[in-house]
C-alpha atoms as a PDB file:
ATOM      1  CA  MET A   1      -0.994   2.367  15.040  1.00  0.00           C
ATOM      2  CA  THR A   2       2.715   1.946  14.596  1.00  0.00           C
ATOM      3  CA  ASP A   3       2.922   2.808  10.937  1.00  0.00           C
ATOM      4  CA  GLN A   4       5.249   5.629  10.073  1.00  0.00           C
ATOM      5  CA  THR A   5       3.667   8.300   7.958  1.00  0.00           C
ATOM      6  CA  SER A   6       5.561  11.234   6.595  1.00  0.00           C
ATOM      7  CA  THR A   7       4.383  13.951   4.348  1.00  0.00           C
ATOM      8  CA  GLY A   8       7.201  15.786   2.665  1.00  0.00           C
ATOM      9  CA  PRO A   9       5.917  17.385  -0.485  1.00  0.00           C
ATOM     10  CA  LYS A  10       2.150  17.607  -0.324  1.00  0.00           C
ATOM     11  CA  ASP A  11       1.806  15.378  -3.368  1.00  0.00           C
ATOM     12  CA  ALA A  12       3.677  12.406  -1.845  1.00  0.00           C
ATOM     13  CA  MET A  13       3.049  10.262   1.205  1.00  0.00           C
ATOM     14  CA  SER A  14       5.100   7.378   2.571  1.00  0.00           C
ATOM     15  CA  VAL A  15       3.914   4.680   4.988  1.00  0.00           C
ATOM     16  CA  ALA A  16       5.513   1.552   6.453  1.00  0.00           C
ATOM     17  CA  LEU A  17       3.078  -1.127   7.574  1.00  0.00           C
ATOM     18  CA  PRO A  18       3.676  -2.292  11.143  1.00  0.00           C
ATOM     19  CA  PRO A  19       5.777  -5.470  11.479  1.00  0.00           C
ATOM     20  CA  GLY A  20       3.684  -8.622  11.421  1.00  0.00           C
ATOM     21  CA  SER A  21       0.449  -6.784  10.548  1.00  0.00           C
ATOM     22  CA  SER A  22      -2.455  -9.188  10.647  1.00  0.00           C
ATOM     23  CA  PRO A  23      -5.195  -9.061   8.012  1.00  0.00           C
ATOM     24  CA  LEU A  24      -7.607  -7.869  10.726  1.00  0.00           C
ATOM     25  CA  GLU A  25      -5.389  -4.839  11.350  1.00  0.00           C
ATOM     26  CA  LEU A  26      -4.817  -4.112   7.678  1.00  0.00           C
ATOM     27  CA  GLY A  27      -8.342  -2.881   6.877  1.00  0.00           C
ATOM     28  CA  PRO A  28      -8.343  -0.057   9.465  1.00  0.00           C
ATOM     29  CA  ILE A  29      -4.731   0.862   8.651  1.00  0.00           C
ATOM     30  CA  LEU A  30      -5.536   1.217   4.938  1.00  0.00           C
ATOM     31  CA  ALA A  31      -8.667   3.243   5.752  1.00  0.00           C
ATOM     32  CA  ARG A  32      -6.523   5.722   7.728  1.00  0.00           C
ATOM     33  CA  ILE A  33      -3.959   5.881   4.923  1.00  0.00           C
ATOM     34  CA  HIS A  34      -6.750   6.560   2.403  1.00  0.00           C
ATOM     35  CA  GLU A  35      -8.255   9.276   4.582  1.00  0.00           C
ATOM     36  CA  GLU A  36      -4.910  11.002   5.093  1.00  0.00           C
ATOM     37  CA  ALA A  37      -3.987  10.756   1.404  1.00  0.00           C
ATOM     38  CA  ARG A  38      -7.269  12.398   0.436  1.00  0.00           C
ATOM     39  CA  ARG A  39      -7.016  15.070   3.124  1.00  0.00           C
ATOM     40  CA  ASN A  40      -3.473  15.982   2.011  1.00  0.00           C
ATOM     41  CA  GLY A  41      -4.193  15.774  -1.715  1.00  0.00           C
ATOM     42  CA  ALA A  42      -1.510  13.124  -2.207  1.00  0.00           C
ATOM     43  CA  ARG A  43      -0.786  12.108  -5.788  1.00  0.00           C
ATOM     44  CA  VAL A  44       1.410   9.124  -4.828  1.00  0.00           C
ATOM     45  CA  VAL A  45       1.308   6.951  -1.718  1.00  0.00           C
ATOM     46  CA  SER A  46       4.306   4.677  -1.115  1.00  0.00           C
ATOM     47  CA  VAL A  47       3.563   1.698   1.106  1.00  0.00           C
ATOM     48  CA  ASP A  48       6.453  -0.316   2.505  1.00  0.00           C
ATOM     49  CA  VAL A  49       5.064  -3.792   3.195  1.00  0.00           C
ATOM     50  CA  ARG A  50       8.407  -5.501   3.865  1.00  0.00           C
ATOM     51  CA  GLY A  51       7.934  -5.692   7.630  1.00  0.00           C
ATOM     52  CA  ALA A  52       4.384  -6.974   7.329  1.00  0.00           C
ATOM     53  CA  GLY A  53       5.558 -10.387   6.115  1.00  0.00           C
ATOM     54  CA  PRO A  54       3.507 -12.586   3.778  1.00  0.00           C
ATOM     55  CA  LEU A  55       0.274 -10.821   2.857  1.00  0.00           C
ATOM     56  CA  GLY A  56      -1.878 -13.917   2.400  1.00  0.00           C
ATOM     57  CA  ILE A  57      -5.260 -13.980   0.727  1.00  0.00           C
ATOM     58  CA  ALA A  58      -6.992 -11.964   3.456  1.00  0.00           C
ATOM     59  CA  GLY A  59      -4.322  -9.256   3.289  1.00  0.00           C
ATOM     60  CA  LEU A  60      -4.528  -9.091  -0.491  1.00  0.00           C
ATOM     61  CA  GLN A  61      -8.313  -8.753  -0.250  1.00  0.00           C
ATOM     62  CA  HIS A  62      -7.879  -5.650   1.925  1.00  0.00           C
ATOM     63  CA  LEU A  63      -5.392  -4.198  -0.546  1.00  0.00           C
ATOM     64  CA  VAL A  64      -7.756  -4.858  -3.466  1.00  0.00           C
ATOM     65  CA  ALA A  65     -10.639  -3.214  -1.578  1.00  0.00           C
ATOM     66  CA  TRP A  66      -8.442  -0.162  -0.944  1.00  0.00           C
ATOM     67  CA  LEU A  67      -7.397   0.030  -4.591  1.00  0.00           C
ATOM     68  CA  LEU A  68     -11.055  -0.170  -5.646  1.00  0.00           C
ATOM     69  CA  GLU A  69     -11.860   2.719  -3.291  1.00  0.00           C
ATOM     70  CA  ILE A  70      -9.156   4.766  -4.990  1.00  0.00           C
ATOM     71  CA  GLN A  71     -10.554   3.878  -8.431  1.00  0.00           C
ATOM     72  CA  ASP A  72     -14.034   4.976  -7.301  1.00  0.00           C
ATOM     73  CA  LEU A  73     -12.775   8.488  -6.584  1.00  0.00           C
ATOM     74  CA  PRO A  74     -13.219  11.206  -9.198  1.00  0.00           C
ATOM     75  CA  ARG A  75     -10.194  11.197 -11.518  1.00  0.00           C
ATOM     76  CA  THR A  76      -8.903  14.470 -10.074  1.00  0.00           C
ATOM     77  CA  GLU A  77      -8.793  12.976  -6.547  1.00  0.00           C
ATOM     78  CA  ARG A  78      -7.176   9.618  -7.365  1.00  0.00           C
ATOM     79  CA  TYR A  79      -3.657   8.825  -6.319  1.00  0.00           C
ATOM     80  CA  ALA A  80      -1.176   6.193  -7.444  1.00  0.00           C
ATOM     81  CA  VAL A  81       0.167   3.548  -5.080  1.00  0.00           C
ATOM     82  CA  HIS A  82       3.767   2.367  -4.975  1.00  0.00           C
ATOM     83  CA  PHE A  83       4.414  -0.804  -2.985  1.00  0.00           C
ATOM     84  CA  ILE A  84       7.867  -1.629  -1.644  1.00  0.00           C
ATOM     85  CA  GLY A  85       8.204  -5.353  -1.028  1.00  0.00           C
ATOM     86  CA  ASP A  86      10.832  -7.739   0.265  1.00  0.00           C
ATOM     87  CA  SER A  87      12.584  -9.428  -2.658  1.00  0.00           C
ATOM     88  CA  GLY A  88      13.318 -12.442  -0.446  1.00  0.00           C
ATOM     89  CA  ASP A  89       9.679 -13.056   0.523  1.00  0.00           C
ATOM     90  CA  HIS A  90       8.333 -15.261  -2.266  1.00  0.00           C
ATOM     91  CA  HIS A  91       4.683 -15.030  -1.153  1.00  0.00           C
ATOM     92  CA  GLN A  92       4.766 -11.268  -0.746  1.00  0.00           C
ATOM     93  CA  LYS A  93       6.432 -10.886  -4.127  1.00  0.00           C
ATOM     94  CA  ARG A  94       3.803 -13.015  -5.897  1.00  0.00           C
ATOM     95  CA  GLY A  95       0.947 -11.148  -4.226  1.00  0.00           C
ATOM     96  CA  LEU A  96       2.288  -7.713  -5.138  1.00  0.00           C
ATOM     97  CA  GLU A  97       3.009  -8.801  -8.712  1.00  0.00           C
ATOM     98  CA  ALA A  98      -0.617 -10.007  -9.002  1.00  0.00           C
ATOM     99  CA  LEU A  99      -1.899  -6.649  -7.727  1.00  0.00           C
ATOM    100  CA  ARG A 100       0.276  -4.782 -10.210  1.00  0.00           C
ATOM    101  CA  ALA A 101      -1.026  -6.948 -13.067  1.00  0.00           C
ATOM    102  CA  CYS A 102      -4.607  -6.006 -12.156  1.00  0.00           C
ATOM    103  CA  ALA A 103      -4.038  -2.254 -12.136  1.00  0.00           C
ATOM    104  CA  GLU A 104      -0.839  -1.397 -13.990  1.00  0.00           C
ATOM    105  CA  ASP A 105      -1.948   2.190 -14.532  1.00  0.00           C
ATOM    106  CA  ALA A 106      -2.359   2.856 -10.795  1.00  0.00           C
ATOM    107  CA  ILE A 107       0.213   0.609  -9.092  1.00  0.00           C
ATOM    108  CA  THR A 108       3.971   0.359  -9.191  1.00  0.00           C
ATOM    109  CA  VAL A 109       6.045  -2.136  -7.232  1.00  0.00           C
ATOM    110  CA  SER A 110       9.701  -2.302  -6.316  1.00  0.00           C
ATOM    111  CA  PHE A 111      11.490  -4.991  -4.364  1.00  0.00           C
ATOM    112  CA  VAL A 112      14.439  -4.554  -2.062  1.00  0.00           C
ATOM    113  CA  GLU A 113      16.245  -7.041   0.100  1.00  0.00           C
ATOM    114  CA  GLY A 114      15.319  -7.310   3.760  1.00  0.00           C
ATOM    115  CA  ASN A 115      12.782  -5.762   6.073  1.00  0.00           C
ATOM    116  CA  ALA A 116      12.158  -2.070   6.622  1.00  0.00           C
END
């Protein structure tokens, strides 16, 4: 896996999805992120999706499944997710905005120009 995970403070975790991640790769990547976030007691996980390109329906389905897993955790074990998207990628922007609308209490999104 070529994602870059860093754990500074124990309560925060930052990950960049590998460039051009396919939906088939996304499920296992998110499972590893979830496992590491739980193991480290992360309160916030930042996911930079800029390099992944357009997420597409299959990619969004994996993200929704991951978010549902987080919501199924006991309240004390849940963590928030912050997505960093490419402001120039119209499809990625729409997908992340839709995710945020579905779970505003657990998701934040910011957009920056260009890839990671």
